[in-house]
Amino acid sequence: MSKTSPMPAFGRTIAALCLIFGLALPALAKDVGPITNLPLPRYVSLKAAEGNVRRGPSLTHRIDWVFTRRDMPLQITAEHGHWRRVEDRDGLGGWVHYSLLSGTRTVLIEQDMLTIRTRPDTDAPIAAALEIGVIARLGECDVEWCRITSAGYKGWAPKARMWGVALDEVRD
């Protein structure tokens, strides 16, 4: 009668770590689109003055509504062929043909009379004040501030007061 020896403690520890990291790696991995291999979700803007938002990723799907604001920031959440599933700041979304989207980054001002400053500092001189709902072009961003441009005005604004940029996003 042969007796099998139990797995040594070191072996059990290694097996447990492999199981833990094997389960954790998919959660740590950043999702990427199957078509573009770009990160999901990601922000883009509406290139056209009008963009049909469809219930599904084809011309045969019903149009639920129409985006009517050029440069509006949108978030891509899925890809299928030439179609991108997008959401606006309210979480409303649908499928839009990729030709209507631009990689140019814009943000939507979410605070009325948001002051933009000459430097990323609350004590810096004010360059302008932007109304809620204004769309601005996004430039570089550090941990808390982003450089934006709107109607010829340039300056820095707190990232948390805009939609269209992730709070952990840093841009050069």
N, C-alpha and C. Protein backbone atom coordinates (compact mmCIF):
# COMPACT_ATOMS: atom_id res chain seq x y z
N MET A 1 0.84 -1.15 0.00
CA MET A 1 0.00 0.00 0.00
C MET A 1 0.90 1.24 0.00
N SER A 2 0.73 2.08 -1.00
CA SER A 2 1.56 3.28 -1.06
C SER A 2 0.78 4.47 -0.54
N LYS A 3 1.50 5.27 0.10
CA LYS A 3 0.89 6.46 0.68
C LYS A 3 1.43 7.68 -0.06
N THR A 4 0.48 8.54 -0.55
CA THR A 4 0.94 9.75 -1.25
C THR A 4 1.15 10.84 -0.22
N SER A 5 2.21 11.53 -0.37
CA SER A 5 2.50 12.59 0.60
C SER A 5 1.72 13.85 0.22
N PRO A 6 1.23 14.55 1.22
CA PRO A 6 0.51 15.79 0.93
C PRO A 6 1.46 16.81 0.31
N MET A 7 0.87 17.76 -0.43
CA MET A 7 1.66 18.80 -1.07
C MET A 7 2.40 19.59 0.00
N PRO A 8 3.69 19.80 -0.19
CA PRO A 8 4.43 20.59 0.79
C PRO A 8 3.83 21.99 0.93
N ALA A 9 4.03 22.60 2.09
CA ALA A 9 3.46 23.92 2.38
C ALA A 9 3.87 24.95 1.32
N PHE A 10 5.11 24.91 0.88
CA PHE A 10 5.58 25.84 -0.13
C PHE A 10 4.78 25.67 -1.42
N GLY A 11 4.54 24.45 -1.82
CA GLY A 11 3.78 24.16 -3.04
C GLY A 11 2.35 24.67 -2.93
N ARG A 12 1.74 24.48 -1.75
CA ARG A 12 0.36 24.96 -1.55
C ARG A 12 0.32 26.50 -1.64
N THR A 13 1.34 27.16 -1.09
CA THR A 13 1.40 28.62 -1.14
C THR A 13 1.51 29.10 -2.58
N ILE A 14 2.38 28.48 -3.36
CA ILE A 14 2.55 28.85 -4.76
C ILE A 14 1.24 28.61 -5.52
N ALA A 15 0.59 27.49 -5.29
CA ALA A 15 -0.67 27.19 -5.96
C ALA A 15 -1.74 28.22 -5.59
N ALA A 16 -1.80 28.62 -4.33
CA ALA A 16 -2.78 29.61 -3.90
C ALA A 16 -2.51 30.97 -4.55
N LEU A 17 -1.24 31.37 -4.62
CA LEU A 17 -0.90 32.65 -5.25
C LEU A 17 -1.24 32.65 -6.73
N CYS A 18 -0.97 31.53 -7.40
CA CYS A 18 -1.31 31.43 -8.82
C CYS A 18 -2.81 31.56 -9.03
N LEU A 19 -3.59 30.94 -8.18
CA LEU A 19 -5.04 31.02 -8.28
C LEU A 19 -5.51 32.46 -8.03
N ILE A 20 -4.97 33.09 -7.00
CA ILE A 20 -5.38 34.46 -6.69
C ILE A 20 -5.02 35.41 -7.83
N PHE A 21 -3.77 35.37 -8.30
CA PHE A 21 -3.37 36.27 -9.37
C PHE A 21 -4.02 35.90 -10.69
N GLY A 22 -4.28 34.65 -10.91
CA GLY A 22 -4.99 34.23 -12.13
C GLY A 22 -6.38 34.79 -12.18
N LEU A 23 -7.05 34.87 -11.03
CA LEU A 23 -8.39 35.44 -11.00
C LEU A 23 -8.36 36.96 -11.01
N ALA A 24 -7.32 37.55 -10.47
CA ALA A 24 -7.24 39.01 -10.37
C ALA A 24 -6.78 39.67 -11.66
N LEU A 25 -5.99 38.99 -12.47
CA LEU A 25 -5.44 39.61 -13.67
C LEU A 25 -6.50 40.12 -14.63
N PRO A 26 -7.57 39.38 -14.92
CA PRO A 26 -8.57 39.95 -15.81
C PRO A 26 -9.18 41.23 -15.25
N ALA A 27 -9.33 41.34 -13.96
CA ALA A 27 -9.88 42.55 -13.36
C ALA A 27 -8.90 43.71 -13.48
N LEU A 28 -7.60 43.43 -13.47
CA LEU A 28 -6.60 44.47 -13.58
C LEU A 28 -6.36 44.90 -15.02
N ALA A 29 -6.64 44.00 -15.96
CA ALA A 29 -6.40 44.30 -17.37
C ALA A 29 -7.37 45.36 -17.86
N LYS A 30 -6.88 46.30 -18.64
CA LYS A 30 -7.73 47.35 -19.21
C LYS A 30 -8.44 46.77 -20.42
N ASP A 31 -9.74 46.99 -20.51
CA ASP A 31 -10.50 46.51 -21.65
C ASP A 31 -10.10 47.30 -22.88
N VAL A 32 -10.05 46.61 -24.01
CA VAL A 32 -9.76 47.26 -25.28
C VAL A 32 -10.82 46.84 -26.28
N GLY A 33 -11.06 47.72 -27.24
CA GLY A 33 -12.05 47.43 -28.27
C GLY A 33 -11.56 46.34 -29.21
N PRO A 34 -12.45 45.43 -29.60
CA PRO A 34 -12.06 44.33 -30.48
C PRO A 34 -11.74 44.79 -31.89
N ILE A 35 -12.19 45.96 -32.29
CA ILE A 35 -11.95 46.47 -33.65
C ILE A 35 -10.72 47.36 -33.68
N THR A 36 -10.64 48.32 -32.79
CA THR A 36 -9.57 49.32 -32.82
C THR A 36 -8.40 48.98 -31.92
N ASN A 37 -8.62 48.10 -30.96
CA ASN A 37 -7.61 47.78 -29.94
C ASN A 37 -7.27 49.01 -29.08
N LEU A 38 -8.18 49.96 -29.04
CA LEU A 38 -8.03 51.14 -28.18
C LEU A 38 -8.78 50.90 -26.88
N PRO A 39 -8.43 51.62 -25.82
CA PRO A 39 -9.06 51.38 -24.52
C PRO A 39 -10.58 51.62 -24.54
N LEU A 40 -11.27 50.83 -23.76
CA LEU A 40 -12.70 51.01 -23.52
C LEU A 40 -12.93 51.10 -22.03
N PRO A 41 -13.70 52.02 -21.55
CA PRO A 41 -14.27 53.13 -22.32
C PRO A 41 -13.22 54.18 -22.63
N ARG A 42 -13.54 55.04 -23.62
CA ARG A 42 -12.67 56.17 -23.97
C ARG A 42 -13.54 57.32 -24.45
N TYR A 43 -12.99 58.52 -24.40
CA TYR A 43 -13.73 59.71 -24.80
C TYR A 43 -13.37 60.12 -26.21
N VAL A 44 -14.36 60.59 -26.94
CA VAL A 44 -14.22 61.13 -28.29
C VAL A 44 -15.17 62.33 -28.37
N SER A 45 -15.31 62.89 -29.57
CA SER A 45 -16.28 63.98 -29.75
C SER A 45 -17.07 63.73 -31.03
N LEU A 46 -18.20 64.39 -31.14
CA LEU A 46 -19.04 64.27 -32.33
C LEU A 46 -18.47 65.17 -33.41
N LYS A 47 -18.10 64.57 -34.54
CA LYS A 47 -17.48 65.31 -35.63
C LYS A 47 -18.52 66.09 -36.44
N ALA A 48 -19.68 65.51 -36.59
CA ALA A 48 -20.72 66.09 -37.43
C ALA A 48 -21.64 67.01 -36.63
N ALA A 49 -22.39 67.84 -37.37
CA ALA A 49 -23.38 68.70 -36.73
C ALA A 49 -24.59 67.89 -36.29
N GLU A 50 -24.80 66.75 -36.92
CA GLU A 50 -25.89 65.84 -36.54
C GLU A 50 -25.38 64.41 -36.60
N GLY A 51 -25.84 63.60 -35.67
CA GLY A 51 -25.45 62.20 -35.65
C GLY A 51 -26.60 61.33 -35.16
N ASN A 52 -27.04 60.41 -36.01
CA ASN A 52 -28.12 59.50 -35.62
C ASN A 52 -27.64 58.52 -34.57
N VAL A 53 -28.43 58.34 -33.55
CA VAL A 53 -28.13 57.38 -32.48
C VAL A 53 -29.11 56.23 -32.66
N ARG A 54 -28.59 55.05 -32.97
CA ARG A 54 -29.43 53.91 -33.30
C ARG A 54 -29.49 52.91 -32.15
N ARG A 55 -30.53 52.11 -32.21
CA ARG A 55 -30.75 51.09 -31.18
C ARG A 55 -29.73 49.95 -31.29
N GLY A 56 -29.20 49.70 -32.47
CA GLY A 56 -28.23 48.64 -32.68
C GLY A 56 -27.19 49.07 -33.70
N PRO A 57 -26.16 48.25 -33.91
CA PRO A 57 -25.02 48.62 -34.78
C PRO A 57 -25.24 48.32 -36.27
N SER A 58 -26.28 48.92 -36.86
CA SER A 58 -26.46 48.82 -38.32
C SER A 58 -27.50 49.84 -38.76
N LEU A 59 -27.56 50.08 -40.07
CA LEU A 59 -28.53 51.03 -40.61
C LEU A 59 -29.96 50.52 -40.51
N THR A 60 -30.13 49.23 -40.31
CA THR A 60 -31.48 48.67 -40.20
C THR A 60 -32.09 48.89 -38.82
N HIS A 61 -31.27 49.25 -37.85
CA HIS A 61 -31.81 49.51 -36.51
C HIS A 61 -32.45 50.89 -36.45
N ARG A 62 -33.46 50.98 -35.63
CA ARG A 62 -34.23 52.21 -35.46
C ARG A 62 -33.38 53.34 -34.90
N ILE A 63 -33.62 54.57 -35.36
CA ILE A 63 -32.97 55.75 -34.80
C ILE A 63 -33.76 56.16 -33.56
N ASP A 64 -33.08 56.17 -32.42
CA ASP A 64 -33.74 56.56 -31.17
C ASP A 64 -33.77 58.08 -31.01
N TRP A 65 -32.70 58.75 -31.39
CA TRP A 65 -32.65 60.21 -31.35
C TRP A 65 -31.46 60.67 -32.18
N VAL A 66 -31.29 61.98 -32.25
CA VAL A 66 -30.21 62.57 -33.05
C VAL A 66 -29.42 63.52 -32.17
N PHE A 67 -28.09 63.32 -32.12
CA PHE A 67 -27.22 64.30 -31.46
C PHE A 67 -27.12 65.49 -32.42
N THR A 68 -27.28 66.70 -31.90
CA THR A 68 -27.28 67.88 -32.77
C THR A 68 -26.25 68.93 -32.36
N ARG A 69 -25.24 68.53 -31.66
CA ARG A 69 -24.25 69.49 -31.20
C ARG A 69 -22.84 69.05 -31.59
N ARG A 70 -22.31 69.70 -32.61
CA ARG A 70 -20.95 69.39 -33.07
C ARG A 70 -19.96 69.55 -31.90
N ASP A 71 -18.97 68.68 -31.85
CA ASP A 71 -17.90 68.68 -30.84
C ASP A 71 -18.34 68.19 -29.47
N MET A 72 -19.59 67.73 -29.33
CA MET A 72 -20.06 67.24 -28.04
C MET A 72 -19.20 66.04 -27.60
N PRO A 73 -18.71 66.06 -26.36
CA PRO A 73 -17.94 64.90 -25.90
C PRO A 73 -18.85 63.70 -25.68
N LEU A 74 -18.35 62.53 -26.06
CA LEU A 74 -19.06 61.27 -25.90
C LEU A 74 -18.08 60.24 -25.38
N GLN A 75 -18.61 59.21 -24.76
CA GLN A 75 -17.77 58.13 -24.27
C GLN A 75 -18.11 56.86 -25.04
N ILE A 76 -17.10 56.26 -25.67
CA ILE A 76 -17.30 54.99 -26.37
C ILE A 76 -17.23 53.87 -25.34
N THR A 77 -18.26 53.01 -25.34
CA THR A 77 -18.30 51.90 -24.39
C THR A 77 -18.22 50.54 -25.08
N ALA A 78 -18.42 50.49 -26.40
CA ALA A 78 -18.35 49.22 -27.12
C ALA A 78 -18.10 49.48 -28.60
N GLU A 79 -17.64 48.44 -29.30
CA GLU A 79 -17.37 48.53 -30.73
C GLU A 79 -17.97 47.31 -31.43
N HIS A 80 -18.47 47.53 -32.64
CA HIS A 80 -18.94 46.42 -33.47
C HIS A 80 -18.80 46.86 -34.92
N GLY A 81 -17.85 46.29 -35.64
CA GLY A 81 -17.61 46.70 -37.02
C GLY A 81 -17.32 48.19 -37.09
N HIS A 82 -18.07 48.90 -37.95
CA HIS A 82 -17.89 50.35 -38.11
C HIS A 82 -18.76 51.15 -37.15
N TRP A 83 -19.28 50.51 -36.13
CA TRP A 83 -20.20 51.16 -35.19
C TRP A 83 -19.59 51.25 -33.81
N ARG A 84 -19.92 52.35 -33.12
CA ARG A 84 -19.44 52.55 -31.76
C ARG A 84 -20.64 52.83 -30.85
N ARG A 85 -20.67 52.12 -29.73
CA ARG A 85 -21.72 52.38 -28.72
C ARG A 85 -21.22 53.54 -27.91
N VAL A 86 -21.99 54.63 -27.84
CA VAL A 86 -21.57 55.84 -27.14
C VAL A 86 -22.58 56.21 -26.06
N GLU A 87 -22.10 56.98 -25.09
CA GLU A 87 -22.94 57.54 -24.04
C GLU A 87 -22.61 59.01 -23.90
N ASP A 88 -23.62 59.81 -23.60
CA ASP A 88 -23.38 61.21 -23.32
C ASP A 88 -23.23 61.41 -21.81
N ARG A 89 -23.15 62.64 -21.36
CA ARG A 89 -22.90 62.90 -19.93
C ARG A 89 -24.01 62.41 -19.04
N ASP A 90 -25.21 62.23 -19.59
CA ASP A 90 -26.35 61.74 -18.81
C ASP A 90 -26.45 60.23 -18.80
N GLY A 91 -25.51 59.56 -19.47
CA GLY A 91 -25.54 58.10 -19.53
C GLY A 91 -26.45 57.56 -20.61
N LEU A 92 -27.02 58.45 -21.42
CA LEU A 92 -27.88 58.01 -22.51
C LEU A 92 -27.01 57.66 -23.70
N GLY A 93 -27.35 56.61 -24.38
CA GLY A 93 -26.49 56.22 -25.48
C GLY A 93 -27.18 55.38 -26.53
N GLY A 94 -26.37 54.96 -27.45
CA GLY A 94 -26.80 54.14 -28.56
C GLY A 94 -25.63 53.94 -29.49
N TRP A 95 -25.93 53.44 -30.67
CA TRP A 95 -24.89 53.13 -31.64
C TRP A 95 -24.78 54.23 -32.69
N VAL A 96 -23.54 54.67 -32.95
CA VAL A 96 -23.25 55.72 -33.91
C VAL A 96 -22.19 55.20 -34.87
N HIS A 97 -22.33 55.54 -36.17
CA HIS A 97 -21.31 55.13 -37.14
C HIS A 97 -20.00 55.86 -36.82
N TYR A 98 -18.90 55.14 -36.94
CA TYR A 98 -17.60 55.70 -36.54
C TYR A 98 -17.23 56.95 -37.32
N SER A 99 -17.74 57.13 -38.54
CA SER A 99 -17.39 58.29 -39.35
C SER A 99 -17.93 59.59 -38.77
N LEU A 100 -18.87 59.50 -37.83
CA LEU A 100 -19.43 60.70 -37.20
C LEU A 100 -18.64 61.12 -35.96
N LEU A 101 -17.63 60.34 -35.60
CA LEU A 101 -16.87 60.60 -34.37
C LEU A 101 -15.46 61.07 -34.69
N SER A 102 -14.91 61.84 -33.78
CA SER A 102 -13.56 62.36 -33.93
C SER A 102 -12.74 62.04 -32.68
N GLY A 103 -11.47 61.82 -32.87
CA GLY A 103 -10.57 61.60 -31.74
C GLY A 103 -10.21 62.89 -31.03
N THR A 104 -10.63 64.04 -31.57
CA THR A 104 -10.39 65.32 -30.93
C THR A 104 -11.13 65.35 -29.61
N ARG A 105 -10.43 65.67 -28.57
CA ARG A 105 -11.02 65.63 -27.22
C ARG A 105 -11.63 66.97 -26.86
N THR A 106 -12.85 66.88 -26.37
CA THR A 106 -13.56 68.04 -25.86
C THR A 106 -14.15 67.68 -24.50
N VAL A 107 -14.53 68.72 -23.76
CA VAL A 107 -15.18 68.52 -22.46
C VAL A 107 -16.41 69.41 -22.39
N LEU A 108 -17.32 69.02 -21.53
CA LEU A 108 -18.53 69.79 -21.28
C LEU A 108 -18.41 70.41 -19.89
N ILE A 109 -18.55 71.72 -19.81
CA ILE A 109 -18.44 72.42 -18.53
C ILE A 109 -19.67 72.09 -17.69
N GLU A 110 -19.44 71.64 -16.46
CA GLU A 110 -20.53 71.21 -15.59
C GLU A 110 -20.80 72.13 -14.41
N GLN A 111 -20.14 73.28 -14.37
CA GLN A 111 -20.36 74.25 -13.29
C GLN A 111 -20.60 75.60 -13.94
N ASP A 112 -21.68 76.27 -13.52
CA ASP A 112 -21.97 77.57 -14.09
C ASP A 112 -20.92 78.59 -13.68
N MET A 113 -20.51 79.38 -14.65
CA MET A 113 -19.50 80.42 -14.48
C MET A 113 -18.19 79.85 -13.90
N LEU A 114 -17.78 78.74 -14.47
CA LEU A 114 -16.52 78.11 -14.07
C LEU A 114 -15.37 79.02 -14.47
N THR A 115 -14.56 79.39 -13.50
CA THR A 115 -13.40 80.24 -13.80
C THR A 115 -12.26 79.38 -14.30
N ILE A 116 -11.70 79.83 -15.42
CA ILE A 116 -10.47 79.18 -15.90
C ILE A 116 -9.33 80.14 -15.60
N ARG A 117 -8.22 79.56 -15.22
CA ARG A 117 -7.10 80.35 -14.70
C ARG A 117 -5.89 80.25 -15.61
N THR A 118 -4.99 81.20 -15.46
CA THR A 118 -3.80 81.25 -16.31
C THR A 118 -2.80 80.15 -16.00
N ARG A 119 -2.88 79.60 -14.79
CA ARG A 119 -2.03 78.49 -14.37
C ARG A 119 -2.88 77.50 -13.60
N PRO A 120 -2.45 76.26 -13.46
CA PRO A 120 -3.22 75.28 -12.69
C PRO A 120 -3.07 75.50 -11.19
N ASP A 121 -3.66 76.59 -10.71
CA ASP A 121 -3.51 76.99 -9.31
C ASP A 121 -4.72 77.86 -8.96
N THR A 122 -5.35 77.60 -7.83
CA THR A 122 -6.54 78.37 -7.42
C THR A 122 -6.22 79.85 -7.16
N ASP A 123 -4.96 80.19 -6.95
CA ASP A 123 -4.57 81.58 -6.72
C ASP A 123 -4.12 82.29 -7.99
N ALA A 124 -4.09 81.59 -9.13
CA ALA A 124 -3.65 82.19 -10.39
C ALA A 124 -4.72 83.16 -10.89
N PRO A 125 -4.31 84.14 -11.68
CA PRO A 125 -5.28 85.09 -12.24
C PRO A 125 -6.34 84.37 -13.10
N ILE A 126 -7.53 84.93 -13.11
CA ILE A 126 -8.64 84.36 -13.89
C ILE A 126 -8.51 84.80 -15.34
N ALA A 127 -8.60 83.84 -16.26
CA ALA A 127 -8.53 84.12 -17.69
C ALA A 127 -9.93 84.34 -18.26
N ALA A 128 -10.92 83.62 -17.75
CA ALA A 128 -12.30 83.74 -18.24
C ALA A 128 -13.21 82.96 -17.31
N ALA A 129 -14.51 83.14 -17.52
CA ALA A 129 -15.52 82.35 -16.81
C ALA A 129 -16.44 81.74 -17.86
N LEU A 130 -16.66 80.44 -17.75
CA LEU A 130 -17.47 79.73 -18.75
C LEU A 130 -18.79 79.29 -18.14
N GLU A 131 -19.85 79.42 -18.92
CA GLU A 131 -21.17 79.01 -18.47
C GLU A 131 -21.30 77.49 -18.50
N ILE A 132 -22.23 76.99 -17.72
CA ILE A 132 -22.52 75.56 -17.72
C ILE A 132 -23.01 75.17 -19.12
N GLY A 133 -22.56 74.02 -19.59
CA GLY A 133 -22.96 73.53 -20.90
C GLY A 133 -22.04 73.91 -22.04
N VAL A 134 -21.07 74.80 -21.79
CA VAL A 134 -20.11 75.19 -22.82
C VAL A 134 -19.24 73.99 -23.16
N ILE A 135 -18.94 73.83 -24.44
CA ILE A 135 -18.01 72.79 -24.89
C ILE A 135 -16.66 73.44 -25.10
N ALA A 136 -15.62 72.84 -24.53
CA ALA A 136 -14.26 73.37 -24.65
C ALA A 136 -13.35 72.28 -25.20
N ARG A 137 -12.33 72.70 -25.89
CA ARG A 137 -11.32 71.77 -26.41
C ARG A 137 -10.37 71.41 -25.27
N LEU A 138 -10.07 70.13 -25.15
CA LEU A 138 -9.22 69.65 -24.06
C LEU A 138 -7.77 69.60 -24.48
N GLY A 139 -6.91 70.14 -23.63
CA GLY A 139 -5.47 70.10 -23.86
C GLY A 139 -4.81 69.18 -22.85
N GLU A 140 -3.69 69.62 -22.33
CA GLU A 140 -2.96 68.78 -21.37
C GLU A 140 -3.68 68.76 -20.02
N CYS A 141 -3.47 67.69 -19.28
CA CYS A 141 -4.08 67.54 -17.95
C CYS A 141 -3.04 66.99 -16.99
N ASP A 142 -3.06 67.52 -15.77
CA ASP A 142 -2.27 66.90 -14.71
C ASP A 142 -3.25 66.15 -13.81
N VAL A 143 -2.88 65.87 -12.60
CA VAL A 143 -3.72 65.07 -11.72
C VAL A 143 -5.05 65.77 -11.41
N GLU A 144 -5.05 67.10 -11.23
CA GLU A 144 -6.26 67.81 -10.83
C GLU A 144 -6.79 68.82 -11.84
N TRP A 145 -5.95 69.30 -12.75
CA TRP A 145 -6.31 70.39 -13.64
C TRP A 145 -6.15 69.99 -15.10
N CYS A 146 -6.94 70.65 -15.98
CA CYS A 146 -6.78 70.48 -17.42
C CYS A 146 -6.75 71.85 -18.09
N ARG A 147 -5.95 71.94 -19.13
CA ARG A 147 -5.90 73.15 -19.95
C ARG A 147 -7.00 73.03 -21.00
N ILE A 148 -7.84 74.04 -21.09
CA ILE A 148 -8.95 74.01 -22.05
C ILE A 148 -8.97 75.29 -22.87
N THR A 149 -9.63 75.23 -24.03
CA THR A 149 -9.78 76.38 -24.91
C THR A 149 -11.23 76.44 -25.35
N SER A 150 -11.80 77.64 -25.28
CA SER A 150 -13.18 77.84 -25.74
C SER A 150 -13.36 79.29 -26.18
N ALA A 151 -13.88 79.47 -27.36
CA ALA A 151 -14.19 80.81 -27.90
C ALA A 151 -13.00 81.76 -27.81
N GLY A 152 -11.80 81.24 -28.05
CA GLY A 152 -10.61 82.07 -28.02
C GLY A 152 -9.98 82.25 -26.65
N TYR A 153 -10.66 81.78 -25.60
CA TYR A 153 -10.12 81.86 -24.25
C TYR A 153 -9.38 80.57 -23.92
N LYS A 154 -8.25 80.73 -23.25
CA LYS A 154 -7.44 79.57 -22.85
C LYS A 154 -7.15 79.66 -21.37
N GLY A 155 -7.14 78.50 -20.72
CA GLY A 155 -6.80 78.50 -19.31
C GLY A 155 -6.93 77.13 -18.71
N TRP A 156 -6.73 77.07 -17.43
CA TRP A 156 -6.76 75.82 -16.67
C TRP A 156 -8.01 75.77 -15.81
N ALA A 157 -8.64 74.59 -15.79
CA ALA A 157 -9.86 74.40 -14.99
C ALA A 157 -9.74 73.10 -14.20
N PRO A 158 -10.39 73.03 -13.05
CA PRO A 158 -10.36 71.79 -12.28
C PRO A 158 -11.05 70.66 -13.06
N LYS A 159 -10.39 69.55 -13.13
CA LYS A 159 -10.88 68.39 -13.88
C LYS A 159 -12.26 67.93 -13.39
N ALA A 160 -12.50 68.04 -12.10
CA ALA A 160 -13.75 67.56 -11.52
C ALA A 160 -14.96 68.40 -11.94
N ARG A 161 -14.75 69.54 -12.57
CA ARG A 161 -15.85 70.42 -12.97
C ARG A 161 -16.22 70.27 -14.45
N MET A 162 -15.67 69.22 -15.10
CA MET A 162 -15.90 69.01 -16.53
C MET A 162 -16.25 67.55 -16.77
N TRP A 163 -17.02 67.30 -17.84
CA TRP A 163 -17.30 65.92 -18.25
C TRP A 163 -16.65 65.70 -19.60
N GLY A 164 -15.95 64.58 -19.71
CA GLY A 164 -15.26 64.25 -20.95
C GLY A 164 -13.80 63.91 -20.72
N VAL A 165 -13.40 63.89 -19.47
CA VAL A 165 -12.05 63.51 -19.09
C VAL A 165 -12.14 62.70 -17.80
N ALA A 166 -11.40 61.60 -17.75
CA ALA A 166 -11.42 60.75 -16.56
C ALA A 166 -10.65 61.43 -15.43
N LEU A 167 -11.10 61.26 -14.21
CA LEU A 167 -10.45 61.89 -13.06
C LEU A 167 -9.02 61.44 -12.88
N ASP A 168 -8.69 60.23 -13.32
CA ASP A 168 -7.32 59.73 -13.18
C ASP A 168 -6.48 59.92 -14.46
N GLU A 169 -7.02 60.62 -15.42
CA GLU A 169 -6.34 60.78 -16.70
C GLU A 169 -5.33 61.90 -16.66
N VAL A 170 -4.14 61.64 -17.19
CA VAL A 170 -3.09 62.64 -17.32
C VAL A 170 -2.74 62.70 -18.79
N ARG A 171 -2.72 63.92 -19.35
CA ARG A 171 -2.44 64.13 -20.78
C ARG A 171 -1.29 65.12 -20.94
N ASP A 172 -0.44 64.86 -21.95
CA ASP A 172 0.65 65.78 -22.26
C ASP A 172 0.27 66.70 -23.39
